[in-house]
Amino acid sequence: MNFGVVAIVGAGLIGGSIGLGLKERGLATSVIGVGHRKTSIDKALKINAIDEGTLKAEEAVKQADIIILATSVSLIPDYAEKIIPLMKKSAILTDVGSTKDYIVSQINDKIRSQYDGVPPDFIGAHPLAGSEQRGIESARPDLFDGSVCVLTPTTLNIKENIKKLSDMWQALGAEVSIMSPSEHDEILAFVSHLPHFVASILAGVVKEKHWKFAASGLRDTTRIASGDPELWLSISRQNKEKIIDALRCFSEDVKSTLDDLEHGNDNNVLEKLIKAKTVRDKKKWKQE
């Protein structure tokens, strides 16, 4: 299985891991990296995540069969607007952003406004893998093994291209799930965006003088609060309403638990603790 020339815009954790996975598995004729800085391209070349690199997206895009936008969610629509007119007609444009409704609608609007005939194919994607760490230094070829990658195609997409992109992610080790952009954002608001805000709020509530007493419980619970604040601000803007809904659901449960504690409703507290343990124990992550 070979997916031809793959251009990856963004030589960071996700982009670098895609490159490493493609190259290690022999899935691409060539992997071209596009970066903001020469240092990031040099690092990607050094660890063999790409075959060649450039600071100019147009140089990579013209020859690519698949173009992957692996930048911050705030940059993806603008990059797409620049790239779309340069793509081969047969090429697929995709991304790895953790919000989908905003990105997919923005890019499809740009495509419709620029093309009267057969437009380029953009298929939104989100690999549910990674960590709070950033940068090409953290990239690894097995990052997507055992993970889930969500694809959010629309009626504008070509079925053969959806299958091709699905095949690529499966070859990288991910299980592919297909859903609408809106459904993706609703799910991610609870399983990804809400946990980050909860961890961030918790880290902010603990007084600085108390951190020296913190052990693995607080460490593990607040780990994801170390994620890039600017990135998470962009995510919160693009998925604002669904994140608000998730935070409201969480705050209602916090208020309910607070009421039970204040009124000594031990049975209710125990029931919630048992339910949480049961649900959590059913899930096994690959690192466990």
C-alpha atoms as a PDB file:
ATOM      1  CA  MET A   1       0.000   0.000   0.000  1.00  0.00           C
ATOM      2  CA  ASN A   2       1.453   3.330  -1.083  1.00  0.00           C
ATOM      3  CA  PHE A   3      -0.209   6.751  -0.825  1.00  0.00           C
ATOM      4  CA  GLY A   4       2.179   8.563  -3.151  1.00  0.00           C
ATOM      5  CA  VAL A   5       3.687  11.926  -2.244  1.00  0.00           C
ATOM      6  CA  VAL A   6       2.448  13.163   1.129  1.00  0.00           C
ATOM      7  CA  ALA A   7       2.974  16.780   2.197  1.00  0.00           C
ATOM      8  CA  ILE A   8       2.687  17.546   5.907  1.00  0.00           C
ATOM      9  CA  VAL A   9       2.231  21.197   6.869  1.00  0.00           C
ATOM     10  CA  GLY A  10       3.447  21.457  10.449  1.00  0.00           C
ATOM     11  CA  ALA A  11       6.510  19.597  11.691  1.00  0.00           C
ATOM     12  CA  GLY A  12       5.386  19.029  15.274  1.00  0.00           C
ATOM     13  CA  LEU A  13       4.280  16.080  17.400  1.00  0.00           C
ATOM     14  CA  ILE A  14       1.383  14.951  15.192  1.00  0.00           C
ATOM     15  CA  GLY A  15       2.878  15.923  11.828  1.00  0.00           C
ATOM     16  CA  GLY A  16       6.222  14.375  12.739  1.00  0.00           C
ATOM     17  CA  SER A  17       4.586  11.174  13.971  1.00  0.00           C
ATOM     18  CA  ILE A  18       2.582  10.870  10.740  1.00  0.00           C
ATOM     19  CA  GLY A  19       5.803  11.253   8.754  1.00  0.00           C
ATOM     20  CA  LEU A  20       7.646   8.701  10.864  1.00  0.00           C
ATOM     21  CA  GLY A  21       4.747   6.244  10.590  1.00  0.00           C
ATOM     22  CA  LEU A  22       4.463   6.628   6.817  1.00  0.00           C
ATOM     23  CA  LYS A  23       8.192   6.206   6.284  1.00  0.00           C
ATOM     24  CA  GLU A  24       8.726   3.329   8.722  1.00  0.00           C
ATOM     25  CA  ARG A  25       5.826   1.378   7.158  1.00  0.00           C
ATOM     26  CA  GLY A  26       6.786   2.235   3.569  1.00  0.00           C
ATOM     27  CA  LEU A  27       3.421   3.898   2.932  1.00  0.00           C
ATOM     28  CA  ALA A  28       4.598   6.885   0.884  1.00  0.00           C
ATOM     29  CA  THR A  29       6.742   7.492  -2.173  1.00  0.00           C
ATOM     30  CA  SER A  30       8.002  10.640  -0.486  1.00  0.00           C
ATOM     31  CA  VAL A  31       7.143  12.704   2.599  1.00  0.00           C
ATOM     32  CA  ILE A  32       7.604  16.467   2.322  1.00  0.00           C
ATOM     33  CA  GLY A  33       7.557  18.577   5.455  1.00  0.00           C
ATOM     34  CA  VAL A  34       6.483  22.218   5.543  1.00  0.00           C
ATOM     35  CA  GLY A  35       7.475  24.285   8.566  1.00  0.00           C
ATOM     36  CA  HIS A  36       7.526  27.836   9.919  1.00  0.00           C
ATOM     37  CA  ARG A  37      11.179  27.670  10.902  1.00  0.00           C
ATOM     38  CA  LYS A  38      14.215  26.039   9.338  1.00  0.00           C
ATOM     39  CA  THR A  39      15.160  24.571  12.730  1.00  0.00           C
ATOM     40  CA  SER A  40      11.977  22.482  12.883  1.00  0.00           C
ATOM     41  CA  ILE A  41      12.537  21.213   9.337  1.00  0.00           C
ATOM     42  CA  ASP A  42      16.147  20.341  10.176  1.00  0.00           C
ATOM     43  CA  LYS A  43      14.996  18.397  13.249  1.00  0.00           C
ATOM     44  CA  ALA A  44      12.391  16.522  11.194  1.00  0.00           C
ATOM     45  CA  LEU A  45      15.038  15.590   8.628  1.00  0.00           C
ATOM     46  CA  LYS A  46      17.447  14.519  11.361  1.00  0.00           C
ATOM     47  CA  ILE A  47      15.004  12.018  12.899  1.00  0.00           C
ATOM     48  CA  ASN A  48      13.957  10.822   9.412  1.00  0.00           C
ATOM     49  CA  ALA A  49      10.347  12.007   9.767  1.00  0.00           C
ATOM     50  CA  ILE A  50      10.468  13.560   6.279  1.00  0.00           C
ATOM     51  CA  ASP A  51      12.423  13.031   3.058  1.00  0.00           C
ATOM     52  CA  GLU A  52      12.662  16.717   2.263  1.00  0.00           C
ATOM     53  CA  GLY A  53      11.555  19.964   3.812  1.00  0.00           C
ATOM     54  CA  THR A  54      10.639  23.497   2.854  1.00  0.00           C
ATOM     55  CA  LEU A  55       9.411  26.744   4.379  1.00  0.00           C
ATOM     56  CA  LYS A  56       7.193  27.371   1.347  1.00  0.00           C
ATOM     57  CA  ALA A  57       3.972  25.384   1.283  1.00  0.00           C
ATOM     58  CA  GLU A  58       3.421  25.979  -2.427  1.00  0.00           C
ATOM     59  CA  GLU A  59       6.578  24.007  -3.282  1.00  0.00           C
ATOM     60  CA  ALA A  60       5.280  20.921  -1.503  1.00  0.00           C
ATOM     61  CA  VAL A  61       1.616  21.178  -2.416  1.00  0.00           C
ATOM     62  CA  LYS A  62       1.993  21.145  -6.211  1.00  0.00           C
ATOM     63  CA  GLN A  63       3.439  17.629  -6.244  1.00  0.00           C
ATOM     64  CA  ALA A  64       1.508  16.092  -3.355  1.00  0.00           C
ATOM     65  CA  ASP A  65      -1.175  13.403  -3.594  1.00  0.00           C
ATOM     66  CA  ILE A  66      -2.235  13.910   0.022  1.00  0.00           C
ATOM     67  CA  ILE A  67      -1.759  17.187   1.927  1.00  0.00           C
ATOM     68  CA  ILE A  68      -2.113  17.083   5.715  1.00  0.00           C
ATOM     69  CA  LEU A  69      -2.581  20.319   7.666  1.00  0.00           C
ATOM     70  CA  ALA A  70      -1.015  19.569  11.055  1.00  0.00           C
ATOM     71  CA  THR A  71      -0.913  23.104  12.425  1.00  0.00           C
ATOM     72  CA  SER A  72      -2.825  24.862  15.187  1.00  0.00           C
ATOM     73  CA  VAL A  73      -6.592  24.845  14.583  1.00  0.00           C
ATOM     74  CA  SER A  74      -6.526  28.634  14.238  1.00  0.00           C
ATOM     75  CA  LEU A  75      -4.207  28.399  11.208  1.00  0.00           C
ATOM     76  CA  ILE A  76      -5.840  25.521   9.320  1.00  0.00           C
ATOM     77  CA  PRO A  77      -8.508  27.487   7.353  1.00  0.00           C
ATOM     78  CA  ASP A  78      -6.006  30.146   6.229  1.00  0.00           C
ATOM     79  CA  TYR A  79      -3.471  27.538   5.139  1.00  0.00           C
ATOM     80  CA  ALA A  80      -6.203  25.729   3.226  1.00  0.00           C
ATOM     81  CA  GLU A  81      -7.169  28.900   1.372  1.00  0.00           C
ATOM     82  CA  LYS A  82      -3.574  29.332   0.176  1.00  0.00           C
ATOM     83  CA  ILE A  83      -3.126  25.670  -0.716  1.00  0.00           C
ATOM     84  CA  ILE A  84      -6.386  24.862  -2.518  1.00  0.00           C
ATOM     85  CA  PRO A  85      -5.583  26.700  -5.800  1.00  0.00           C
ATOM     86  CA  LEU A  86      -2.205  24.926  -6.021  1.00  0.00           C
ATOM     87  CA  MET A  87      -3.412  21.359  -5.514  1.00  0.00           C
ATOM     88  CA  LYS A  88      -3.474  18.681  -8.190  1.00  0.00           C
ATOM     89  CA  LYS A  89      -7.060  17.873  -9.176  1.00  0.00           C
ATOM     90  CA  SER A  90      -6.651  14.343  -7.892  1.00  0.00           C
ATOM     91  CA  ALA A  91      -5.110  15.383  -4.553  1.00  0.00           C
ATOM     92  CA  ILE A  92      -6.759  15.097  -1.136  1.00  0.00           C
ATOM     93  CA  LEU A  93      -6.553  17.874   1.443  1.00  0.00           C
ATOM     94  CA  THR A  94      -7.064  16.899   5.074  1.00  0.00           C
ATOM     95  CA  ASP A  95      -6.164  18.065   8.580  1.00  0.00           C
ATOM     96  CA  VAL A  96      -5.677  16.835  12.148  1.00  0.00           C
ATOM     97  CA  GLY A  97      -7.530  19.583  14.043  1.00  0.00           C
ATOM     98  CA  SER A  98      -9.410  18.762  17.253  1.00  0.00           C
ATOM     99  CA  THR A  99     -12.406  20.854  16.189  1.00  0.00           C
ATOM    100  CA  LYS A 100     -14.255  19.981  13.031  1.00  0.00           C
ATOM    101  CA  ASP A 101     -17.499  21.911  12.497  1.00  0.00           C
ATOM    102  CA  TYR A 102     -15.789  25.306  12.200  1.00  0.00           C
ATOM    103  CA  ILE A 103     -12.831  24.043  10.155  1.00  0.00           C
ATOM    104  CA  VAL A 104     -14.876  21.941   7.717  1.00  0.00           C
ATOM    105  CA  SER A 105     -17.453  24.678   7.099  1.00  0.00           C
ATOM    106  CA  GLN A 106     -14.793  27.360   6.673  1.00  0.00           C
ATOM    107  CA  ILE A 107     -12.743  25.349   4.187  1.00  0.00           C
ATOM    108  CA  ASN A 108     -15.743  24.090   2.218  1.00  0.00           C
ATOM    109  CA  ASP A 109     -17.009  27.678   1.946  1.00  0.00           C
ATOM    110  CA  LYS A 110     -13.622  28.721   0.555  1.00  0.00           C
ATOM    111  CA  ILE A 111     -13.685  25.835  -1.928  1.00  0.00           C
ATOM    112  CA  ARG A 112     -17.215  26.641  -3.130  1.00  0.00           C
ATOM    113  CA  SER A 113     -16.338  30.326  -3.562  1.00  0.00           C
ATOM    114  CA  GLN A 114     -13.279  29.518  -5.708  1.00  0.00           C
ATOM    115  CA  TYR A 115     -14.515  26.680  -7.950  1.00  0.00           C
ATOM    116  CA  ASP A 116     -17.415  26.344 -10.350  1.00  0.00           C
ATOM    117  CA  GLY A 117     -16.426  22.914 -11.659  1.00  0.00           C
ATOM    118  CA  VAL A 118     -15.085  19.890  -9.815  1.00  0.00           C
ATOM    119  CA  PRO A 119     -13.505  21.266  -6.625  1.00  0.00           C
ATOM    120  CA  PRO A 120     -10.532  19.909  -4.676  1.00  0.00           C
ATOM    121  CA  ASP A 121     -11.447  17.354  -2.015  1.00  0.00           C
ATOM    122  CA  PHE A 122     -11.105  18.375   1.642  1.00  0.00           C
ATOM    123  CA  ILE A 123     -11.867  15.704   4.229  1.00  0.00           C
ATOM    124  CA  GLY A 124     -11.715  16.707   7.884  1.00  0.00           C
ATOM    125  CA  ALA A 125      -9.851  14.340  10.208  1.00  0.00           C
ATOM    126  CA  HIS A 126      -8.834  14.167  13.844  1.00  0.00           C
ATOM    127  CA  PRO A 127      -6.471  11.498  15.192  1.00  0.00           C
ATOM    128  CA  LEU A 128      -7.262  11.062  18.892  1.00  0.00           C
ATOM    129  CA  ALA A 129      -3.656  10.636  19.940  1.00  0.00           C
ATOM    130  CA  GLY A 130      -0.856  12.762  21.302  1.00  0.00           C
ATOM    131  CA  SER A 131       0.013  14.292  24.635  1.00  0.00           C
ATOM    132  CA  GLU A 132       0.496  17.599  26.380  1.00  0.00           C
ATOM    133  CA  GLN A 133       3.988  17.637  24.870  1.00  0.00           C
ATOM    134  CA  ARG A 134       4.645  19.516  21.643  1.00  0.00           C
ATOM    135  CA  GLY A 135       7.339  19.556  19.021  1.00  0.00           C
ATOM    136  CA  ILE A 136       9.053  17.198  16.653  1.00  0.00           C
ATOM    137  CA  GLU A 137      11.235  15.936  19.528  1.00  0.00           C
ATOM    138  CA  SER A 138       8.227  14.062  20.947  1.00  0.00           C
ATOM    139  CA  ALA A 139       7.184  12.471  17.631  1.00  0.00           C
ATOM    140  CA  ARG A 140       7.234   8.691  17.295  1.00  0.00           C
ATOM    141  CA  PRO A 141       6.140   6.255  14.565  1.00  0.00           C
ATOM    142  CA  ASP A 142       3.774   4.244  16.789  1.00  0.00           C
ATOM    143  CA  LEU A 143       1.858   7.236  18.183  1.00  0.00           C
ATOM    144  CA  PHE A 144      -1.369   6.190  16.462  1.00  0.00           C
ATOM    145  CA  ASP A 145      -1.203   2.467  17.236  1.00  0.00           C
ATOM    146  CA  GLY A 146      -4.424   1.490  19.024  1.00  0.00           C
ATOM    147  CA  SER A 147      -5.886   4.995  18.737  1.00  0.00           C
ATOM    148  CA  VAL A 148      -9.020   6.254  16.995  1.00  0.00           C
ATOM    149  CA  CYS A 149      -8.995   8.635  14.052  1.00  0.00           C
ATOM    150  CA  VAL A 150     -12.274  10.395  13.293  1.00  0.00           C
ATOM    151  CA  LEU A 151     -13.081  11.342   9.695  1.00  0.00           C
ATOM    152  CA  THR A 152     -15.816  13.901   9.072  1.00  0.00           C
ATOM    153  CA  PRO A 153     -16.652  13.770   5.349  1.00  0.00           C
ATOM    154  CA  THR A 154     -19.549  15.673   3.815  1.00  0.00           C
ATOM    155  CA  THR A 155     -21.692  15.171   0.718  1.00  0.00           C
ATOM    156  CA  LEU A 156     -19.062  17.153  -1.208  1.00  0.00           C
ATOM    157  CA  ASN A 157     -16.455  14.425  -0.831  1.00  0.00           C
ATOM    158  CA  ILE A 158     -15.563  11.642  -3.265  1.00  0.00           C
ATOM    159  CA  LYS A 159     -16.157   8.160  -1.807  1.00  0.00           C
ATOM    160  CA  GLU A 160     -12.888   6.806  -3.195  1.00  0.00           C
ATOM    161  CA  ASN A 161     -10.971   9.583  -1.433  1.00  0.00           C
ATOM    162  CA  ILE A 162     -12.735   8.906   1.865  1.00  0.00           C
ATOM    163  CA  LYS A 163     -11.663   5.255   1.565  1.00  0.00           C
ATOM    164  CA  LYS A 164      -8.110   6.232   0.636  1.00  0.00           C
ATOM    165  CA  LEU A 165      -7.765   8.492   3.674  1.00  0.00           C
ATOM    166  CA  SER A 166      -9.364   5.836   5.875  1.00  0.00           C
ATOM    167  CA  ASP A 167      -6.905   3.253   4.558  1.00  0.00           C
ATOM    168  CA  MET A 168      -3.989   5.572   5.331  1.00  0.00           C
ATOM    169  CA  TRP A 169      -5.012   6.066   8.957  1.00  0.00           C
ATOM    170  CA  GLN A 170      -5.639   2.351   9.421  1.00  0.00           C
ATOM    171  CA  ALA A 171      -2.197   1.635   7.982  1.00  0.00           C
ATOM    172  CA  LEU A 172      -0.787   4.060  10.577  1.00  0.00           C
ATOM    173  CA  GLY A 173      -2.366   1.929  13.315  1.00  0.00           C
ATOM    174  CA  ALA A 174      -5.605   3.791  14.024  1.00  0.00           C
ATOM    175  CA  GLU A 175      -9.188   2.582  14.079  1.00  0.00           C
ATOM    176  CA  VAL A 176     -11.249   4.881  11.853  1.00  0.00           C
ATOM    177  CA  SER A 177     -14.615   6.257  12.920  1.00  0.00           C
ATOM    178  CA  ILE A 178     -16.738   8.278  10.497  1.00  0.00           C
ATOM    179  CA  MET A 179     -19.232  10.886  11.721  1.00  0.00           C
ATOM    180  CA  SER A 180     -20.484  14.391  11.019  1.00  0.00           C
ATOM    181  CA  PRO A 181     -18.371  17.410  12.032  1.00  0.00           C
ATOM    182  CA  SER A 182     -21.047  18.469  14.545  1.00  0.00           C
ATOM    183  CA  GLU A 183     -21.199  15.019  16.164  1.00  0.00           C
ATOM    184  CA  HIS A 184     -17.413  14.999  16.453  1.00  0.00           C
ATOM    185  CA  ASP A 185     -17.408  18.350  18.232  1.00  0.00           C
ATOM    186  CA  GLU A 186     -20.142  17.315  20.656  1.00  0.00           C
ATOM    187  CA  ILE A 187     -18.254  14.150  21.624  1.00  0.00           C
ATOM    188  CA  LEU A 188     -14.872  15.866  21.873  1.00  0.00           C
ATOM    189  CA  ALA A 189     -16.328  18.605  24.045  1.00  0.00           C
ATOM    190  CA  PHE A 190     -16.917  15.952  26.721  1.00  0.00           C
ATOM    191  CA  VAL A 191     -14.021  13.532  26.232  1.00  0.00           C
ATOM    192  CA  SER A 192     -11.228  16.018  25.429  1.00  0.00           C
ATOM    193  CA  HIS A 193     -12.083  19.689  25.801  1.00  0.00           C
ATOM    194  CA  LEU A 194     -13.929  19.403  29.140  1.00  0.00           C
ATOM    195  CA  PRO A 195     -11.118  17.365  30.771  1.00  0.00           C
ATOM    196  CA  HIS A 196      -8.599  20.014  29.767  1.00  0.00           C
ATOM    197  CA  PHE A 197     -10.613  22.833  31.296  1.00  0.00           C
ATOM    198  CA  VAL A 198     -11.282  20.804  34.447  1.00  0.00           C
ATOM    199  CA  ALA A 199      -7.562  20.018  34.811  1.00  0.00           C
ATOM    200  CA  SER A 200      -6.670  23.668  34.216  1.00  0.00           C
ATOM    201  CA  ILE A 201      -9.209  24.916  36.754  1.00  0.00           C
ATOM    202  CA  LEU A 202      -8.031  22.361  39.305  1.00  0.00           C
ATOM    203  CA  ALA A 203      -4.378  23.328  38.802  1.00  0.00           C
ATOM    204  CA  GLY A 204      -5.340  26.956  39.313  1.00  0.00           C
ATOM    205  CA  VAL A 205      -7.358  26.308  42.483  1.00  0.00           C
ATOM    206  CA  VAL A 206      -4.519  24.624  44.383  1.00  0.00           C
ATOM    207  CA  LYS A 207      -2.474  27.209  46.265  1.00  0.00           C
ATOM    208  CA  GLU A 208       1.165  27.433  45.251  1.00  0.00           C
ATOM    209  CA  LYS A 209       2.378  26.695  48.792  1.00  0.00           C
ATOM    210  CA  HIS A 210       0.426  23.420  48.774  1.00  0.00           C
ATOM    211  CA  TRP A 211       1.987  21.947  45.624  1.00  0.00           C
ATOM    212  CA  LYS A 212       4.970  20.585  47.537  1.00  0.00           C
ATOM    213  CA  PHE A 213       2.590  18.115  49.199  1.00  0.00           C
ATOM    214  CA  ALA A 214       1.088  16.948  45.902  1.00  0.00           C
ATOM    215  CA  ALA A 215       1.649  13.322  44.867  1.00  0.00           C
ATOM    216  CA  SER A 216       0.601  11.192  41.894  1.00  0.00           C
ATOM    217  CA  GLY A 217      -3.123  11.898  42.261  1.00  0.00           C
ATOM    218  CA  LEU A 218      -2.863  15.612  41.608  1.00  0.00           C
ATOM    219  CA  ARG A 219      -0.012  15.089  39.163  1.00  0.00           C
ATOM    220  CA  ASP A 220      -2.039  12.679  36.994  1.00  0.00           C
ATOM    221  CA  THR A 221      -5.282  14.644  37.244  1.00  0.00           C
ATOM    222  CA  THR A 222      -3.668  17.923  36.150  1.00  0.00           C
ATOM    223  CA  ARG A 223      -1.208  16.509  33.579  1.00  0.00           C
ATOM    224  CA  ILE A 224      -3.075  17.808  30.547  1.00  0.00           C
ATOM    225  CA  ALA A 225      -3.175  21.328  31.985  1.00  0.00           C
ATOM    226  CA  SER A 226       0.414  21.552  30.687  1.00  0.00           C
ATOM    227  CA  GLY A 227      -0.933  21.791  27.132  1.00  0.00           C
ATOM    228  CA  ASP A 228      -0.288  24.905  25.050  1.00  0.00           C
ATOM    229  CA  PRO A 229      -2.631  27.682  26.326  1.00  0.00           C
ATOM    230  CA  GLU A 230      -2.811  29.477  22.967  1.00  0.00           C
ATOM    231  CA  LEU A 231      -3.840  26.248  21.231  1.00  0.00           C
ATOM    232  CA  TRP A 232      -6.562  25.630  23.794  1.00  0.00           C
ATOM    233  CA  LEU A 233      -7.844  29.179  23.508  1.00  0.00           C
ATOM    234  CA  SER A 234      -8.270  28.574  19.764  1.00  0.00           C
ATOM    235  CA  ILE A 235     -10.097  25.305  20.450  1.00  0.00           C
ATOM    236  CA  SER A 236     -12.406  27.034  22.929  1.00  0.00           C
ATOM    237  CA  ARG A 237     -13.292  29.674  20.346  1.00  0.00           C
ATOM    238  CA  GLN A 238     -14.055  27.171  17.602  1.00  0.00           C
ATOM    239  CA  ASN A 239     -16.101  24.791  19.775  1.00  0.00           C
ATOM    240  CA  LYS A 240     -17.452  27.371  22.193  1.00  0.00           C
ATOM    241  CA  GLU A 241     -21.100  26.336  22.468  1.00  0.00           C
ATOM    242  CA  LYS A 242     -20.458  22.631  22.912  1.00  0.00           C
ATOM    243  CA  ILE A 243     -17.721  23.256  25.484  1.00  0.00           C
ATOM    244  CA  ILE A 244     -20.106  25.510  27.402  1.00  0.00           C
ATOM    245  CA  ASP A 245     -22.724  22.726  27.369  1.00  0.00           C
ATOM    246  CA  ALA A 246     -20.160  20.225  28.664  1.00  0.00           C
ATOM    247  CA  LEU A 247     -18.966  22.584  31.420  1.00  0.00           C
ATOM    248  CA  ARG A 248     -22.571  23.202  32.474  1.00  0.00           C
ATOM    249  CA  CYS A 249     -23.225  19.466  32.741  1.00  0.00           C
ATOM    250  CA  PHE A 250     -20.080  19.091  34.818  1.00  0.00           C
ATOM    251  CA  SER A 251     -20.930  22.052  37.054  1.00  0.00           C
ATOM    252  CA  GLU A 252     -24.396  20.600  37.711  1.00  0.00           C
ATOM    253  CA  ASP A 253     -22.807  17.360  38.923  1.00  0.00           C
ATOM    254  CA  VAL A 254     -20.354  19.316  41.072  1.00  0.00           C
ATOM    255  CA  LYS A 255     -23.253  21.239  42.626  1.00  0.00           C
ATOM    256  CA  SER A 256     -25.196  18.005  43.207  1.00  0.00           C
ATOM    257  CA  THR A 257     -22.197  16.394  44.914  1.00  0.00           C
ATOM    258  CA  LEU A 258     -21.621  19.512  46.998  1.00  0.00           C
ATOM    259  CA  ASP A 259     -25.271  19.415  48.150  1.00  0.00           C
ATOM    260  CA  ASP A 260     -24.964  15.727  49.053  1.00  0.00           C
ATOM    261  CA  LEU A 261     -21.833  16.380  51.109  1.00  0.00           C
ATOM    262  CA  GLU A 262     -23.372  19.358  52.882  1.00  0.00           C
ATOM    263  CA  HIS A 263     -26.511  17.400  53.776  1.00  0.00           C
ATOM    264  CA  GLY A 264     -24.700  14.200  54.721  1.00  0.00           C
ATOM    265  CA  ASN A 265     -26.247  12.131  51.913  1.00  0.00           C
ATOM    266  CA  ASP A 266     -23.575   9.449  52.139  1.00  0.00           C
ATOM    267  CA  ASN A 267     -25.506   6.942  50.019  1.00  0.00           C
ATOM    268  CA  ASN A 268     -25.670   9.402  47.124  1.00  0.00           C
ATOM    269  CA  VAL A 269     -21.963  10.200  47.420  1.00  0.00           C
ATOM    270  CA  LEU A 270     -21.072   6.496  47.534  1.00  0.00           C
ATOM    271  CA  GLU A 271     -23.304   5.758  44.548  1.00  0.00           C
ATOM    272  CA  LYS A 272     -21.523   8.428  42.488  1.00  0.00           C
ATOM    273  CA  LEU A 273     -18.095   7.154  43.512  1.00  0.00           C
ATOM    274  CA  ILE A 274     -19.021   3.553  42.638  1.00  0.00           C
ATOM    275  CA  LYS A 275     -20.487   4.589  39.278  1.00  0.00           C
ATOM    276  CA  ALA A 276     -17.376   6.591  38.394  1.00  0.00           C
ATOM    277  CA  LYS A 277     -15.048   3.729  39.354  1.00  0.00           C
ATOM    278  CA  THR A 278     -17.106   1.211  37.359  1.00  0.00           C
ATOM    279  CA  VAL A 279     -17.133   3.377  34.236  1.00  0.00           C
ATOM    280  CA  ARG A 280     -13.416   4.201  34.512  1.00  0.00           C
ATOM    281  CA  ASP A 281     -12.344   0.615  35.170  1.00  0.00           C
ATOM    282  CA  LYS A 282     -14.058  -0.590  31.983  1.00  0.00           C
ATOM    283  CA  LYS A 283     -11.770   1.578  29.865  1.00  0.00           C
ATOM    284  CA  LYS A 284      -8.216   0.403  29.241  1.00  0.00           C
ATOM    285  CA  TRP A 285      -5.812   2.699  27.452  1.00  0.00           C
ATOM    286  CA  LYS A 286      -2.894   1.279  25.545  1.00  0.00           C
ATOM    287  CA  GLN A 287      -0.337   2.716  28.006  1.00  0.00           C
ATOM    288  CA  GLU A 288      -2.033   0.880  30.865  1.00  0.00           C
END
